[in-house]
Amino acid sequence: MHQQISLTEAANLIQDGMTIALGGMTIYRRPTAFVRALLRRDPRPRDLTLLCFTAGYESDLLVGAGCVSTVHSCYFGLESFGFAPMFTEAAQKGTIKIVEETEASLALGIRAGISGVGYTPSHAWIGTDLPRLRPDVKTIIDPYTGEELVAFPAIHCDIAVIHGLEGDSFGNVRVNNNVGVDMELVYLADKVIFTVEQLVHQSERSLDSLLIPAPGADYIAHAPKGAWPTSCYPLYPVGGGELMRYVDACNAGQFNTYLDELLNQP
């Protein structure tokens, strides 16, 4: 049974040292309102492991604010708006641990975590130098064929945070069709927080995109424009001007000024 809570209450569920997953894809439908609520906390959470199939603006804010110690992602950037500036700076300085991932290793690690097993075997990475970057990823021999396979370790997640279009009174959540790995995160995470643009009655729910049924949501928080400046199709597009303002501020060494202004907005 889901529980309807405020953004502040949702942010207070995050504890130091947790692994949190942020839903959405690149600069589309990211839970930015939740991240702002998290960064308004005093003190802010520390030593987080960030799990994203792709990481973007919302993740860069957390890195810049010093909340993240480890990143699992196969992409961290702002698409046509360039590099994620604070992640790039932290990576160059070596102040953040980057777990080298590919789409395959993330997908297989998530699959193992969902299945409750220690690893998923695959031909992926065979014949590449990637295992040299990940000594924790072992090879095994297939007992049936004698082939060498890569055993991708299970990925675990404490809390996933996903932004949706609508949440109804029964806990069903509607997201658009650019779903990324949101459905997999629902199964993977111990707890799932949905932020939604609208709270509706079940009879008012739209039926034109993916519905994540009620057992998937542990908590639902109302967050109008909760993905901006990333997009939330079909409600609003990417806020390109804001993303450019963010990049310019970071490149000028003004991340903290930008963040203070952002957090002081209603």
Protein backbone atom coordinates (compact mmCIF):
# COMPACT_ATOMS: atom_id res chain seq x y z
CA MET A 1 0.00 0.00 0.00
CA HIS A 2 1.49 3.33 -1.05
CA GLN A 3 1.71 6.40 1.18
CA GLN A 4 1.22 9.95 -0.06
CA ILE A 5 3.89 12.23 1.37
CA SER A 6 5.42 15.65 0.77
CA LEU A 7 8.66 16.24 -1.11
CA THR A 8 10.33 17.17 2.17
CA GLU A 9 9.21 13.91 3.76
CA ALA A 10 10.40 12.01 0.69
CA ALA A 11 13.82 13.64 0.87
CA ASN A 12 14.10 12.75 4.57
CA LEU A 13 13.92 9.05 3.66
CA ILE A 14 17.44 9.24 2.22
CA GLN A 15 20.15 8.30 4.71
CA ASP A 16 23.93 8.69 4.51
CA GLY A 17 25.64 5.87 2.64
CA MET A 18 22.56 4.70 0.73
CA THR A 19 22.50 3.62 -2.90
CA ILE A 20 19.85 5.69 -4.66
CA ALA A 21 18.67 5.33 -8.24
CA LEU A 22 17.26 8.26 -10.20
CA GLY A 23 14.79 7.45 -12.97
CA GLY A 24 14.26 9.05 -16.34
CA MET A 25 16.72 9.22 -19.23
CA THR A 26 19.54 11.71 -19.90
CA ILE A 27 17.74 15.10 -19.72
CA TYR A 28 14.20 13.71 -19.88
CA ARG A 29 11.81 13.19 -16.96
CA ARG A 30 14.42 13.39 -14.21
CA PRO A 31 13.33 13.83 -10.55
CA THR A 32 14.79 17.31 -10.16
CA ALA A 33 12.23 18.60 -7.64
CA PHE A 34 13.15 15.69 -5.37
CA VAL A 35 16.85 16.50 -5.74
CA ARG A 36 16.19 20.13 -4.79
CA ALA A 37 14.31 18.97 -1.71
CA LEU A 38 17.21 16.70 -0.85
CA LEU A 39 19.68 19.56 -1.18
CA ARG A 40 17.55 21.79 1.05
CA ARG A 41 18.12 19.41 3.94
CA ASP A 42 20.43 20.47 6.73
CA PRO A 43 22.65 18.58 6.90
CA ARG A 44 22.62 17.21 3.39
CA PRO A 45 23.08 13.47 2.91
CA ARG A 46 26.64 12.26 2.44
CA ASP A 47 28.48 9.33 0.92
CA LEU A 48 25.67 8.38 -1.46
CA THR A 49 26.14 5.83 -4.23
CA LEU A 50 24.35 7.10 -7.31
CA LEU A 51 22.86 4.49 -9.64
CA CYS A 52 21.65 5.80 -13.01
CA PHE A 53 21.42 4.09 -16.35
CA THR A 54 22.22 7.58 -17.61
CA ALA A 55 22.95 10.51 -15.31
CA GLY A 56 22.22 14.16 -16.07
CA TYR A 57 21.53 17.58 -14.57
CA GLU A 58 19.90 16.29 -11.38
CA SER A 59 22.83 13.98 -10.68
CA ASP A 60 25.36 16.73 -11.39
CA LEU A 61 23.71 18.88 -8.73
CA LEU A 62 24.21 16.11 -6.16
CA VAL A 63 27.84 15.63 -7.15
CA GLY A 64 28.55 19.35 -7.03
CA ALA A 65 26.97 19.62 -3.58
CA GLY A 66 29.30 16.90 -2.24
CA CYS A 67 26.58 14.34 -1.59
CA VAL A 68 27.91 11.57 -3.85
CA SER A 69 30.94 9.36 -3.27
CA THR A 70 30.38 6.70 -5.97
CA VAL A 71 28.72 6.68 -9.39
CA HIS A 72 27.35 3.71 -11.33
CA SER A 73 26.32 4.90 -14.80
CA CYS A 74 27.17 4.27 -18.44
CA TYR A 75 26.67 7.97 -19.32
CA PHE A 76 26.94 11.18 -17.33
CA GLY A 77 26.27 14.35 -19.29
CA LEU A 78 23.84 16.93 -20.61
CA GLU A 79 23.40 15.66 -24.18
CA SER A 80 23.62 18.58 -26.65
CA PHE A 81 24.41 20.94 -23.75
CA GLY A 82 27.78 19.29 -23.24
CA PHE A 83 29.54 17.66 -20.34
CA ALA A 84 28.10 17.51 -16.84
CA PRO A 85 30.47 20.13 -15.38
CA MET A 86 30.60 19.16 -11.70
CA PHE A 87 30.92 15.44 -12.42
CA THR A 88 33.67 16.17 -14.95
CA GLU A 89 35.54 18.28 -12.40
CA ALA A 90 35.18 15.64 -9.68
CA ALA A 91 36.33 12.89 -12.04
CA GLN A 92 39.40 14.87 -13.11
CA LYS A 93 40.31 15.64 -9.49
CA GLY A 94 39.71 12.05 -8.40
CA THR A 95 37.33 13.12 -5.63
CA ILE A 96 34.62 10.70 -6.72
CA LYS A 97 34.72 6.96 -7.36
CA ILE A 98 33.52 5.98 -10.82
CA VAL A 99 32.52 2.36 -11.30
CA GLU A 100 33.10 1.69 -14.99
CA GLU A 101 29.85 0.44 -16.50
CA THR A 102 28.38 -0.23 -19.91
CA GLU A 103 24.75 -0.66 -20.88
CA ALA A 104 25.31 -4.42 -20.78
CA SER A 105 26.94 -4.51 -17.33
CA LEU A 106 24.22 -2.31 -15.83
CA ALA A 107 21.42 -4.31 -17.43
CA LEU A 108 22.91 -7.63 -16.35
CA GLY A 109 23.75 -6.39 -12.84
CA ILE A 110 20.22 -5.08 -12.39
CA ARG A 111 18.82 -8.36 -13.70
CA ALA A 112 20.85 -10.28 -11.13
CA GLY A 113 19.69 -7.96 -8.36
CA ILE A 114 16.05 -8.38 -9.35
CA SER A 115 16.48 -12.16 -9.55
CA GLY A 116 18.07 -12.39 -6.11
CA VAL A 117 21.23 -14.09 -7.41
CA GLY A 118 24.84 -13.03 -7.09
CA TYR A 119 25.58 -12.52 -10.78
CA THR A 120 24.35 -12.87 -14.35
CA PRO A 121 26.62 -14.63 -16.88
CA SER A 122 27.13 -13.17 -20.35
CA HIS A 123 29.42 -13.03 -23.38
CA ALA A 124 29.59 -9.25 -22.92
CA TRP A 125 33.10 -7.80 -22.35
CA ILE A 126 34.79 -10.99 -23.60
CA GLY A 127 37.77 -9.94 -25.72
CA THR A 128 37.83 -6.36 -24.37
CA ASP A 129 39.99 -4.53 -21.85
CA LEU A 130 37.00 -3.64 -19.68
CA PRO A 131 37.66 -6.41 -17.10
CA ARG A 132 41.02 -4.75 -16.38
CA LEU A 133 39.10 -1.67 -15.21
CA ARG A 134 36.74 -3.74 -13.07
CA PRO A 135 38.73 -6.35 -11.10
CA ASP A 136 35.54 -7.09 -9.13
CA VAL A 137 33.98 -8.53 -12.30
CA LYS A 138 35.04 -12.18 -12.56
CA THR A 139 34.96 -14.75 -15.35
CA ILE A 140 33.47 -18.22 -14.99
CA ILE A 141 33.34 -21.39 -17.08
CA ASP A 142 29.94 -22.43 -18.37
CA PRO A 143 29.44 -25.93 -16.90
CA TYR A 144 27.44 -27.00 -19.96
CA THR A 145 29.57 -25.71 -22.84
CA GLY A 146 32.99 -25.06 -21.30
CA GLU A 147 32.90 -21.47 -22.62
CA GLU A 148 34.43 -18.62 -20.65
CA LEU A 149 31.76 -16.12 -19.59
CA VAL A 150 31.76 -12.86 -17.65
CA ALA A 151 29.86 -13.01 -14.35
CA PHE A 152 28.41 -9.53 -13.83
CA PRO A 153 27.80 -8.95 -10.10
CA ALA A 154 24.34 -8.12 -8.84
CA ILE A 155 23.51 -4.46 -8.37
CA HIS A 156 21.45 -3.48 -5.34
CA CYS A 157 19.52 -0.31 -4.60
CA ASP A 158 18.06 1.08 -1.38
CA ILE A 159 15.71 3.70 -2.86
CA ALA A 160 14.67 4.55 -6.41
CA VAL A 161 13.18 7.95 -7.20
CA ILE A 162 11.16 8.24 -10.42
CA HIS A 163 9.17 11.15 -11.84
CA GLY A 164 5.80 10.47 -13.47
CA LEU A 165 2.95 12.31 -15.10
CA GLU A 166 0.11 11.18 -12.82
CA GLY A 167 -0.47 9.25 -9.63
CA ASP A 168 -3.94 8.10 -8.68
CA SER A 169 -5.54 7.43 -5.31
CA PHE A 170 -4.78 3.70 -5.58
CA GLY A 171 -1.04 4.25 -6.18
CA ASN A 172 -0.94 3.63 -9.93
CA VAL A 173 1.56 5.90 -11.68
CA ARG A 174 1.63 6.94 -15.33
CA VAL A 175 4.94 7.73 -17.03
CA ASN A 176 5.58 8.62 -20.64
CA ASN A 177 6.95 6.11 -23.09
CA ASN A 178 10.59 7.28 -22.85
CA VAL A 179 10.86 4.95 -19.90
CA GLY A 180 14.57 4.11 -19.72
CA VAL A 181 14.98 1.44 -17.03
CA ASP A 182 12.32 2.82 -14.71
CA MET A 183 10.32 -0.40 -14.64
CA GLU A 184 13.43 -2.37 -13.73
CA LEU A 185 14.25 0.09 -10.93
CA VAL A 186 10.78 -0.47 -9.49
CA TYR A 187 11.59 -4.18 -9.12
CA LEU A 188 15.19 -3.62 -8.01
CA ALA A 189 14.89 -1.04 -5.24
CA ASP A 190 13.95 -1.83 -1.65
CA LYS A 191 11.72 1.28 -1.63
CA VAL A 192 10.35 3.34 -4.53
CA ILE A 193 9.44 7.04 -4.38
CA PHE A 194 7.40 8.52 -7.23
CA THR A 195 7.10 12.25 -7.72
CA VAL A 196 4.20 13.15 -10.01
CA GLU A 197 2.96 16.16 -11.92
CA GLN A 198 -0.66 15.54 -10.91
CA LEU A 199 -2.65 13.61 -8.35
CA VAL A 200 -5.84 12.26 -9.94
CA HIS A 201 -8.72 9.94 -9.16
CA GLN A 202 -8.52 6.56 -10.84
CA SER A 203 -11.47 7.43 -13.10
CA GLU A 204 -9.61 10.54 -14.35
CA ARG A 205 -6.41 8.72 -15.26
CA SER A 206 -5.14 9.02 -18.82
CA LEU A 207 -4.56 5.79 -20.70
CA ASP A 208 -2.16 6.83 -23.46
CA SER A 209 1.20 5.80 -21.99
CA LEU A 210 2.89 3.33 -19.68
CA LEU A 211 1.20 2.65 -16.37
CA ILE A 212 3.22 1.34 -13.43
CA PRO A 213 0.64 -0.47 -11.30
CA ALA A 214 0.07 0.27 -7.63
CA PRO A 215 2.39 -2.32 -6.01
CA GLY A 216 5.35 -0.49 -7.57
CA ALA A 217 5.03 2.71 -5.55
CA ASP A 218 5.84 2.82 -1.85
CA TYR A 219 5.54 6.61 -1.69
CA ILE A 220 4.00 9.24 -3.97
CA ALA A 221 4.76 12.96 -3.69
CA HIS A 222 3.05 15.75 -5.62
CA ALA A 223 5.64 17.74 -7.62
CA PRO A 224 4.29 20.01 -10.40
CA LYS A 225 7.04 20.75 -12.94
CA GLY A 226 9.01 18.24 -10.94
CA ALA A 227 11.32 17.34 -13.82
CA TRP A 228 12.15 20.87 -15.04
CA PRO A 229 14.54 21.94 -16.57
CA THR A 230 14.61 18.42 -17.96
CA SER A 231 11.54 17.65 -20.03
CA CYS A 232 8.32 15.91 -19.12
CA TYR A 233 6.62 15.09 -22.40
CA PRO A 234 3.93 16.01 -23.32
CA LEU A 235 3.58 18.60 -20.53
CA TYR A 236 6.72 20.68 -21.10
CA PRO A 237 9.97 20.57 -23.10
CA VAL A 238 13.60 20.76 -22.02
CA GLY A 239 14.47 24.11 -20.44
CA GLY A 240 17.48 24.72 -22.66
CA GLY A 241 18.09 28.23 -21.39
CA GLU A 242 18.30 27.02 -17.79
CA LEU A 243 20.69 24.22 -18.69
CA MET A 244 22.92 26.69 -20.51
CA ARG A 245 22.78 29.03 -17.50
CA TYR A 246 23.83 26.13 -15.28
CA VAL A 247 26.77 25.18 -17.48
CA ASP A 248 27.93 28.80 -17.74
CA ALA A 249 27.74 29.24 -13.95
CA CYS A 250 29.75 26.08 -13.31
CA ASN A 251 32.37 26.97 -15.91
CA ALA A 252 32.74 30.35 -14.19
CA GLY A 253 33.30 28.68 -10.81
CA GLN A 254 29.87 29.80 -9.57
CA PHE A 255 28.23 26.45 -8.81
CA ASN A 256 27.47 27.36 -5.19
CA THR A 257 25.91 30.68 -6.23
CA TYR A 258 23.75 28.89 -8.81
CA LEU A 259 22.71 26.27 -6.25
CA ASP A 260 21.80 28.88 -3.62
CA GLU A 261 19.59 30.67 -6.13
CA LEU A 262 17.99 27.42 -7.24
CA LEU A 263 17.18 26.30 -3.71
CA ASN A 264 15.73 29.69 -2.79
CA GLN A 265 13.15 29.45 -5.57
CA PRO A 266 9.65 28.35 -4.48
